[in-house]
Amino acid sequence: MDIPDLHRWNVTYEEAVNIQKCLKDEVILKKIDKKIKYIAGLDVAYAKGSKTVWAGVVVLDFPSLVRREERWSQKKVSFPYIPGLLSFREIPALLDALKKIELEPDLIFCDGQGIAHPRGLGLASHLGVLLHKPTIGCAKSPLIGEFGPVGEKRGDYVYLRYQQRVIGAVIRTRSGVKPIFISPGYGIQLKDCIRFVLETCSPYRIPEPTRQAHLLVSSVRCTKIDNSRKRSGPI
């Protein structure tokens, strides 16, 4: 993928917040007007007690969800873990993995927030602005917002609201299982986010693109850590 160099990543806390405030105005939410052929899932795995991360991207056919390509990268993180600024910690490694793929996705699922973010620019929105591609934020827990009870059946959902505005949805993707929190990232509207999430979740709680990406980076992490320990002890 051809990825533009929009801004620096080695920044201070104040610089990161200012970048988010500027870029949030570039977030476009709209109905997808093209056929979705390839979807991608992104995820990042960490090594406990280390600054090493592994970022992975898995590209699937849609709607069959057949895996077509997978790539990963290993990188040292330079930005600390700060809630609301996860994109500055993870996107550099994700971009390294995305640069390696040959099949360009039409839609990207991110393990993180979209506009359901204090400054309206979660990881999925930040990445979407960079790539100018539709992105969906899929998270296991909320960062901000309020919501009511969610029905127990698969497909039940309620809106996630913040400051009297709808910023996402809380969706039950499996009956009797905890819901997930989704929000538009870039280039997509909430209605389509709900549809694509439900079309890619069966039979699991997590959408298949991010589930596959999680399996990839978890496997790579374990293999690398085991190999490192065999050579020189724990990393």
C-alpha atoms as a PDB file:
ATOM      1  CA  MET A   1       0.000   0.000   0.000  1.00  0.00           C
ATOM      2  CA  ASP A   2       1.095   3.545  -0.714  1.00  0.00           C
ATOM      3  CA  ILE A   3       0.937   5.365   2.633  1.00  0.00           C
ATOM      4  CA  PRO A   4       1.525   9.135   2.882  1.00  0.00           C
ATOM      5  CA  ASP A   5       3.728  10.614   5.597  1.00  0.00           C
ATOM      6  CA  LEU A   6       1.133  12.893   7.203  1.00  0.00           C
ATOM      7  CA  HIS A   7       2.933  13.829  10.422  1.00  0.00           C
ATOM      8  CA  ARG A   8       5.670  12.768  12.850  1.00  0.00           C
ATOM      9  CA  TRP A   9       5.027  10.011  15.394  1.00  0.00           C
ATOM     10  CA  ASN A  10       7.837  10.793  17.811  1.00  0.00           C
ATOM     11  CA  VAL A  11       5.933  13.555  19.582  1.00  0.00           C
ATOM     12  CA  THR A  12       5.157  14.789  23.076  1.00  0.00           C
ATOM     13  CA  TYR A  13       1.820  14.353  24.834  1.00  0.00           C
ATOM     14  CA  GLU A  14       0.834  17.939  24.021  1.00  0.00           C
ATOM     15  CA  GLU A  15       1.823  17.550  20.364  1.00  0.00           C
ATOM     16  CA  ALA A  16      -0.167  14.323  20.071  1.00  0.00           C
ATOM     17  CA  VAL A  17      -3.303  15.944  21.489  1.00  0.00           C
ATOM     18  CA  ASN A  18      -2.931  18.899  19.115  1.00  0.00           C
ATOM     19  CA  ILE A  19      -2.534  16.540  16.144  1.00  0.00           C
ATOM     20  CA  GLN A  20      -5.763  14.775  17.124  1.00  0.00           C
ATOM     21  CA  LYS A  21      -7.612  18.074  17.458  1.00  0.00           C
ATOM     22  CA  CYS A  22      -6.476  19.129  13.975  1.00  0.00           C
ATOM     23  CA  LEU A  23      -7.112  15.803  12.242  1.00  0.00           C
ATOM     24  CA  LYS A  24     -10.606  15.256  13.672  1.00  0.00           C
ATOM     25  CA  ASP A  25     -11.925  17.858  11.234  1.00  0.00           C
ATOM     26  CA  GLU A  26     -10.694  15.665   8.372  1.00  0.00           C
ATOM     27  CA  VAL A  27     -12.830  12.700   9.454  1.00  0.00           C
ATOM     28  CA  ILE A  28     -15.531  12.071   6.842  1.00  0.00           C
ATOM     29  CA  LEU A  29     -18.464   9.772   7.621  1.00  0.00           C
ATOM     30  CA  LYS A  30     -20.546   8.711   4.633  1.00  0.00           C
ATOM     31  CA  LYS A  31     -22.371   5.818   3.042  1.00  0.00           C
ATOM     32  CA  ILE A  32     -20.060   3.377   1.301  1.00  0.00           C
ATOM     33  CA  ASP A  33     -20.761   3.729  -2.418  1.00  0.00           C
ATOM     34  CA  LYS A  34     -18.507   0.975  -3.788  1.00  0.00           C
ATOM     35  CA  LYS A  35     -18.524  -2.796  -3.739  1.00  0.00           C
ATOM     36  CA  ILE A  36     -16.506  -4.278  -0.904  1.00  0.00           C
ATOM     37  CA  LYS A  37     -14.293  -7.064  -2.244  1.00  0.00           C
ATOM     38  CA  TYR A  38     -11.497  -7.228   0.313  1.00  0.00           C
ATOM     39  CA  ILE A  39     -11.657  -6.448   4.017  1.00  0.00           C
ATOM     40  CA  ALA A  40      -8.711  -6.275   6.383  1.00  0.00           C
ATOM     41  CA  GLY A  41      -8.331  -6.722  10.111  1.00  0.00           C
ATOM     42  CA  LEU A  42      -5.586  -5.116  12.193  1.00  0.00           C
ATOM     43  CA  ASP A  43      -4.268  -5.911  15.646  1.00  0.00           C
ATOM     44  CA  VAL A  44      -1.174  -5.407  17.801  1.00  0.00           C
ATOM     45  CA  ALA A  45       0.385  -7.740  20.377  1.00  0.00           C
ATOM     46  CA  TYR A  46       2.781  -6.685  23.139  1.00  0.00           C
ATOM     47  CA  ALA A  47       5.664  -8.435  24.848  1.00  0.00           C
ATOM     48  CA  LYS A  48       5.252  -8.176  28.620  1.00  0.00           C
ATOM     49  CA  GLY A  49       7.957  -6.039  30.169  1.00  0.00           C
ATOM     50  CA  SER A  50       9.311  -4.968  26.797  1.00  0.00           C
ATOM     51  CA  LYS A  51       8.802  -2.154  24.303  1.00  0.00           C
ATOM     52  CA  THR A  52       8.538  -4.651  21.451  1.00  0.00           C
ATOM     53  CA  VAL A  53       5.210  -4.939  19.623  1.00  0.00           C
ATOM     54  CA  TRP A  54       4.013  -7.078  16.755  1.00  0.00           C
ATOM     55  CA  ALA A  55       1.472  -5.591  14.359  1.00  0.00           C
ATOM     56  CA  GLY A  56      -0.518  -7.734  11.966  1.00  0.00           C
ATOM     57  CA  VAL A  57      -2.858  -7.312   9.027  1.00  0.00           C
ATOM     58  CA  VAL A  58      -5.027 -10.065   7.567  1.00  0.00           C
ATOM     59  CA  VAL A  59      -6.888  -9.555   4.270  1.00  0.00           C
ATOM     60  CA  LEU A  60     -10.086 -11.547   3.678  1.00  0.00           C
ATOM     61  CA  ASP A  61     -12.442 -11.944   0.750  1.00  0.00           C
ATOM     62  CA  PHE A  62     -15.870 -10.478   1.358  1.00  0.00           C
ATOM     63  CA  PRO A  63     -18.440 -11.866   1.914  1.00  0.00           C
ATOM     64  CA  SER A  64     -16.850 -15.340   1.980  1.00  0.00           C
ATOM     65  CA  LEU A  65     -14.285 -14.312   4.652  1.00  0.00           C
ATOM     66  CA  VAL A  66     -11.681 -16.573   3.057  1.00  0.00           C
ATOM     67  CA  ARG A  67      -8.181 -15.494   4.103  1.00  0.00           C
ATOM     68  CA  ARG A  68      -6.186 -14.152   1.167  1.00  0.00           C
ATOM     69  CA  GLU A  69      -3.094 -12.536   2.667  1.00  0.00           C
ATOM     70  CA  GLU A  70      -1.384 -11.853   5.968  1.00  0.00           C
ATOM     71  CA  ARG A  71       1.576  -9.665   6.915  1.00  0.00           C
ATOM     72  CA  TRP A  72       3.187  -8.608  10.162  1.00  0.00           C
ATOM     73  CA  SER A  73       5.873  -6.316  11.498  1.00  0.00           C
ATOM     74  CA  GLN A  74       7.956  -6.084  14.648  1.00  0.00           C
ATOM     75  CA  LYS A  75       8.779  -2.703  16.115  1.00  0.00           C
ATOM     76  CA  LYS A  76       9.930  -0.932  19.269  1.00  0.00           C
ATOM     77  CA  VAL A  77       7.307   1.497  20.547  1.00  0.00           C
ATOM     78  CA  SER A  78       8.440   4.987  21.489  1.00  0.00           C
ATOM     79  CA  PHE A  79       5.178   6.465  22.756  1.00  0.00           C
ATOM     80  CA  PRO A  80       3.920   5.560  26.257  1.00  0.00           C
ATOM     81  CA  TYR A  81       0.596   3.891  26.947  1.00  0.00           C
ATOM     82  CA  ILE A  82      -1.876   6.734  27.490  1.00  0.00           C
ATOM     83  CA  PRO A  83      -5.648   6.167  27.175  1.00  0.00           C
ATOM     84  CA  GLY A  84      -6.946   8.214  24.256  1.00  0.00           C
ATOM     85  CA  LEU A  85      -3.560   8.306  22.506  1.00  0.00           C
ATOM     86  CA  LEU A  86      -3.261   4.640  21.539  1.00  0.00           C
ATOM     87  CA  SER A  87      -2.857   5.505  17.848  1.00  0.00           C
ATOM     88  CA  PHE A  88       0.545   7.126  18.487  1.00  0.00           C
ATOM     89  CA  ARG A  89       1.735   3.917  20.120  1.00  0.00           C
ATOM     90  CA  GLU A  90       0.356   1.390  17.635  1.00  0.00           C
ATOM     91  CA  ILE A  91      -0.138   2.978  14.200  1.00  0.00           C
ATOM     92  CA  PRO A  92       3.592   3.190  13.298  1.00  0.00           C
ATOM     93  CA  ALA A  93       3.876  -0.603  13.596  1.00  0.00           C
ATOM     94  CA  LEU A  94       0.551  -1.121  11.805  1.00  0.00           C
ATOM     95  CA  LEU A  95       1.731   1.057   8.915  1.00  0.00           C
ATOM     96  CA  ASP A  96       4.860  -1.090   8.569  1.00  0.00           C
ATOM     97  CA  ALA A  97       2.652  -4.171   8.215  1.00  0.00           C
ATOM     98  CA  LEU A  98       0.226  -2.462   5.814  1.00  0.00           C
ATOM     99  CA  LYS A  99       3.095  -1.419   3.523  1.00  0.00           C
ATOM    100  CA  LYS A 100       3.819  -5.107   2.920  1.00  0.00           C
ATOM    101  CA  ILE A 101       0.400  -6.207   1.685  1.00  0.00           C
ATOM    102  CA  GLU A 102      -0.295  -6.675  -2.023  1.00  0.00           C
ATOM    103  CA  LEU A 103      -4.100  -6.881  -1.900  1.00  0.00           C
ATOM    104  CA  GLU A 104      -5.416  -3.438  -1.064  1.00  0.00           C
ATOM    105  CA  PRO A 105      -8.469  -3.657   1.238  1.00  0.00           C
ATOM    106  CA  ASP A 106     -11.696  -1.758   0.589  1.00  0.00           C
ATOM    107  CA  LEU A 107     -12.621  -1.716   4.285  1.00  0.00           C
ATOM    108  CA  ILE A 108     -10.455  -1.991   7.399  1.00  0.00           C
ATOM    109  CA  PHE A 109     -11.494  -3.270  10.844  1.00  0.00           C
ATOM    110  CA  CYS A 110      -9.379  -1.925  13.709  1.00  0.00           C
ATOM    111  CA  ASP A 111      -9.059  -3.230  17.254  1.00  0.00           C
ATOM    112  CA  GLY A 112      -9.755   0.156  18.817  1.00  0.00           C
ATOM    113  CA  GLN A 113     -12.041   3.166  18.725  1.00  0.00           C
ATOM    114  CA  GLY A 114     -13.270   5.270  15.823  1.00  0.00           C
ATOM    115  CA  ILE A 115     -15.037   8.533  16.624  1.00  0.00           C
ATOM    116  CA  ALA A 116     -16.033   7.152  20.061  1.00  0.00           C
ATOM    117  CA  HIS A 117     -13.108   9.056  21.494  1.00  0.00           C
ATOM    118  CA  PRO A 118     -12.756  12.179  23.684  1.00  0.00           C
ATOM    119  CA  ARG A 119     -11.384  14.192  20.758  1.00  0.00           C
ATOM    120  CA  GLY A 120     -13.250  12.290  18.048  1.00  0.00           C
ATOM    121  CA  LEU A 121     -10.113  10.625  16.668  1.00  0.00           C
ATOM    122  CA  GLY A 122      -9.532   7.106  17.906  1.00  0.00           C
ATOM    123  CA  LEU A 123      -7.113   4.699  16.255  1.00  0.00           C
ATOM    124  CA  ALA A 124      -9.558   3.710  13.502  1.00  0.00           C
ATOM    125  CA  SER A 125     -10.357   7.325  12.630  1.00  0.00           C
ATOM    126  CA  HIS A 126      -6.696   8.351  12.729  1.00  0.00           C
ATOM    127  CA  LEU A 127      -5.740   5.485  10.434  1.00  0.00           C
ATOM    128  CA  GLY A 128      -8.637   6.214   8.083  1.00  0.00           C
ATOM    129  CA  VAL A 129      -7.554   9.841   7.708  1.00  0.00           C
ATOM    130  CA  LEU A 130      -4.012   8.662   6.902  1.00  0.00           C
ATOM    131  CA  LEU A 131      -5.077   6.050   4.345  1.00  0.00           C
ATOM    132  CA  HIS A 132      -8.252   7.711   3.023  1.00  0.00           C
ATOM    133  CA  LYS A 133      -9.968   4.340   3.380  1.00  0.00           C
ATOM    134  CA  PRO A 134     -13.139   3.283   5.215  1.00  0.00           C
ATOM    135  CA  THR A 135     -12.368   2.057   8.720  1.00  0.00           C
ATOM    136  CA  ILE A 136     -14.423   0.630  11.585  1.00  0.00           C
ATOM    137  CA  GLY A 137     -13.415   0.787  15.224  1.00  0.00           C
ATOM    138  CA  CYS A 138     -14.203  -2.442  17.098  1.00  0.00           C
ATOM    139  CA  ALA A 139     -13.512  -2.457  20.838  1.00  0.00           C
ATOM    140  CA  LYS A 140     -14.295  -4.790  23.728  1.00  0.00           C
ATOM    141  CA  SER A 141     -14.966  -1.895  26.110  1.00  0.00           C
ATOM    142  CA  PRO A 142     -15.959   1.773  25.786  1.00  0.00           C
ATOM    143  CA  LEU A 143     -13.603   4.716  26.116  1.00  0.00           C
ATOM    144  CA  ILE A 144     -16.376   7.303  26.468  1.00  0.00           C
ATOM    145  CA  GLY A 145     -20.148   7.470  26.151  1.00  0.00           C
ATOM    146  CA  GLU A 146     -23.340   6.254  27.732  1.00  0.00           C
ATOM    147  CA  PHE A 147     -25.740   3.507  26.678  1.00  0.00           C
ATOM    148  CA  GLY A 148     -28.752   1.579  27.882  1.00  0.00           C
ATOM    149  CA  PRO A 149     -29.360  -2.159  28.279  1.00  0.00           C
ATOM    150  CA  VAL A 150     -28.665  -4.326  25.236  1.00  0.00           C
ATOM    151  CA  GLY A 151     -31.024  -7.157  24.298  1.00  0.00           C
ATOM    152  CA  GLU A 152     -29.735 -10.697  24.801  1.00  0.00           C
ATOM    153  CA  LYS A 153     -30.190 -11.896  21.209  1.00  0.00           C
ATOM    154  CA  ARG A 154     -27.608 -11.770  18.451  1.00  0.00           C
ATOM    155  CA  GLY A 155     -28.071  -8.574  16.460  1.00  0.00           C
ATOM    156  CA  ASP A 156     -29.559  -6.565  19.330  1.00  0.00           C
ATOM    157  CA  TYR A 157     -27.900  -3.198  19.801  1.00  0.00           C
ATOM    158  CA  VAL A 158     -28.260   0.221  21.375  1.00  0.00           C
ATOM    159  CA  TYR A 159     -26.619   3.482  20.452  1.00  0.00           C
ATOM    160  CA  LEU A 160     -23.577   4.793  22.258  1.00  0.00           C
ATOM    161  CA  ARG A 161     -23.998   8.504  23.020  1.00  0.00           C
ATOM    162  CA  TYR A 162     -21.633  11.231  24.151  1.00  0.00           C
ATOM    163  CA  GLN A 163     -22.581  14.848  24.782  1.00  0.00           C
ATOM    164  CA  GLN A 164     -26.046  14.225  23.282  1.00  0.00           C
ATOM    165  CA  ARG A 165     -24.572  12.838  20.068  1.00  0.00           C
ATOM    166  CA  VAL A 166     -24.578   9.271  18.715  1.00  0.00           C
ATOM    167  CA  ILE A 167     -20.961   8.145  18.366  1.00  0.00           C
ATOM    168  CA  GLY A 168     -21.338   4.390  17.983  1.00  0.00           C
ATOM    169  CA  ALA A 169     -23.273   1.289  18.879  1.00  0.00           C
ATOM    170  CA  VAL A 170     -23.138  -1.452  21.501  1.00  0.00           C
ATOM    171  CA  ILE A 171     -23.871  -4.702  19.661  1.00  0.00           C
ATOM    172  CA  ARG A 172     -24.668  -8.199  20.862  1.00  0.00           C
ATOM    173  CA  THR A 173     -22.834 -10.313  18.283  1.00  0.00           C
ATOM    174  CA  ARG A 174     -23.638 -13.631  19.998  1.00  0.00           C
ATOM    175  CA  SER A 175     -26.678 -14.443  22.101  1.00  0.00           C
ATOM    176  CA  GLY A 176     -25.900 -14.360  25.801  1.00  0.00           C
ATOM    177  CA  VAL A 177     -22.340 -13.099  25.251  1.00  0.00           C
ATOM    178  CA  LYS A 178     -20.974  -9.678  26.213  1.00  0.00           C
ATOM    179  CA  PRO A 179     -21.569  -7.026  23.523  1.00  0.00           C
ATOM    180  CA  ILE A 180     -18.837  -5.183  21.632  1.00  0.00           C
ATOM    181  CA  PHE A 181     -18.476  -1.459  21.055  1.00  0.00           C
ATOM    182  CA  ILE A 182     -18.209  -0.222  17.497  1.00  0.00           C
ATOM    183  CA  SER A 183     -17.894   3.244  16.015  1.00  0.00           C
ATOM    184  CA  PRO A 184     -17.259   4.640  12.544  1.00  0.00           C
ATOM    185  CA  GLY A 185     -13.649   5.428  11.897  1.00  0.00           C
ATOM    186  CA  TYR A 186     -13.545   7.127   8.520  1.00  0.00           C
ATOM    187  CA  GLY A 187     -15.441   6.953   5.223  1.00  0.00           C
ATOM    188  CA  ILE A 188     -18.366   4.951   6.577  1.00  0.00           C
ATOM    189  CA  GLN A 189     -21.600   5.600   8.442  1.00  0.00           C
ATOM    190  CA  LEU A 190     -22.748   3.859  11.605  1.00  0.00           C
ATOM    191  CA  LYS A 191     -25.549   1.947   9.848  1.00  0.00           C
ATOM    192  CA  ASP A 192     -23.007   0.278   7.563  1.00  0.00           C
ATOM    193  CA  CYS A 193     -20.666  -0.401  10.489  1.00  0.00           C
ATOM    194  CA  ILE A 194     -23.409  -2.357  12.239  1.00  0.00           C
ATOM    195  CA  ARG A 195     -24.173  -4.312   9.075  1.00  0.00           C
ATOM    196  CA  PHE A 196     -20.567  -5.232   8.316  1.00  0.00           C
ATOM    197  CA  VAL A 197     -19.828  -6.187  11.916  1.00  0.00           C
ATOM    198  CA  LEU A 198     -22.804  -8.543  12.090  1.00  0.00           C
ATOM    199  CA  GLU A 199     -21.964 -10.029   8.682  1.00  0.00           C
ATOM    200  CA  THR A 200     -18.433 -10.850   9.833  1.00  0.00           C
ATOM    201  CA  CYS A 201     -19.010 -12.028  13.413  1.00  0.00           C
ATOM    202  CA  SER A 202     -20.716 -15.408  13.119  1.00  0.00           C
ATOM    203  CA  PRO A 203     -20.022 -17.655  14.960  1.00  0.00           C
ATOM    204  CA  TYR A 204     -17.638 -15.595  17.113  1.00  0.00           C
ATOM    205  CA  ARG A 205     -18.094 -12.543  19.322  1.00  0.00           C
ATOM    206  CA  ILE A 206     -15.308 -10.598  17.582  1.00  0.00           C
ATOM    207  CA  PRO A 207     -15.492  -9.720  13.858  1.00  0.00           C
ATOM    208  CA  GLU A 208     -13.520 -12.224  11.813  1.00  0.00           C
ATOM    209  CA  PRO A 209     -11.036  -9.677  10.372  1.00  0.00           C
ATOM    210  CA  THR A 210      -9.781  -8.532  13.789  1.00  0.00           C
ATOM    211  CA  ARG A 211     -10.070 -12.041  15.228  1.00  0.00           C
ATOM    212  CA  GLN A 212      -7.791 -13.378  12.505  1.00  0.00           C
ATOM    213  CA  ALA A 213      -5.364 -10.494  13.000  1.00  0.00           C
ATOM    214  CA  HIS A 214      -5.303 -11.218  16.742  1.00  0.00           C
ATOM    215  CA  LEU A 215      -4.523 -14.895  16.104  1.00  0.00           C
ATOM    216  CA  LEU A 216      -1.718 -13.889  13.736  1.00  0.00           C
ATOM    217  CA  VAL A 217       0.083 -11.467  16.052  1.00  0.00           C
ATOM    218  CA  SER A 218      -0.413 -13.710  19.086  1.00  0.00           C
ATOM    219  CA  SER A 219       1.203 -16.607  17.218  1.00  0.00           C
ATOM    220  CA  VAL A 220       4.097 -14.472  15.970  1.00  0.00           C
ATOM    221  CA  ARG A 221       4.676 -13.016  19.434  1.00  0.00           C
ATOM    222  CA  CYS A 222       4.792 -16.439  21.075  1.00  0.00           C
ATOM    223  CA  THR A 223       7.154 -17.806  18.438  1.00  0.00           C
ATOM    224  CA  LYS A 224       9.532 -14.829  18.676  1.00  0.00           C
ATOM    225  CA  ILE A 225       9.564 -14.825  22.475  1.00  0.00           C
ATOM    226  CA  ASP A 226      10.166 -18.594  22.636  1.00  0.00           C
ATOM    227  CA  ASN A 227      13.025 -18.332  20.139  1.00  0.00           C
ATOM    228  CA  SER A 228      14.539 -15.425  22.057  1.00  0.00           C
ATOM    229  CA  ARG A 229      14.391 -17.297  25.340  1.00  0.00           C
ATOM    230  CA  LYS A 230      16.083 -20.322  23.796  1.00  0.00           C
ATOM    231  CA  ARG A 231      18.942 -18.080  22.639  1.00  0.00           C
ATOM    232  CA  SER A 232      19.436 -15.714  25.547  1.00  0.00           C
ATOM    233  CA  GLY A 233      16.685 -15.985  28.153  1.00  0.00           C
ATOM    234  CA  PRO A 234      13.558 -13.805  28.589  1.00  0.00           C
ATOM    235  CA  ILE A 235      13.393 -10.575  26.542  1.00  0.00           C
END
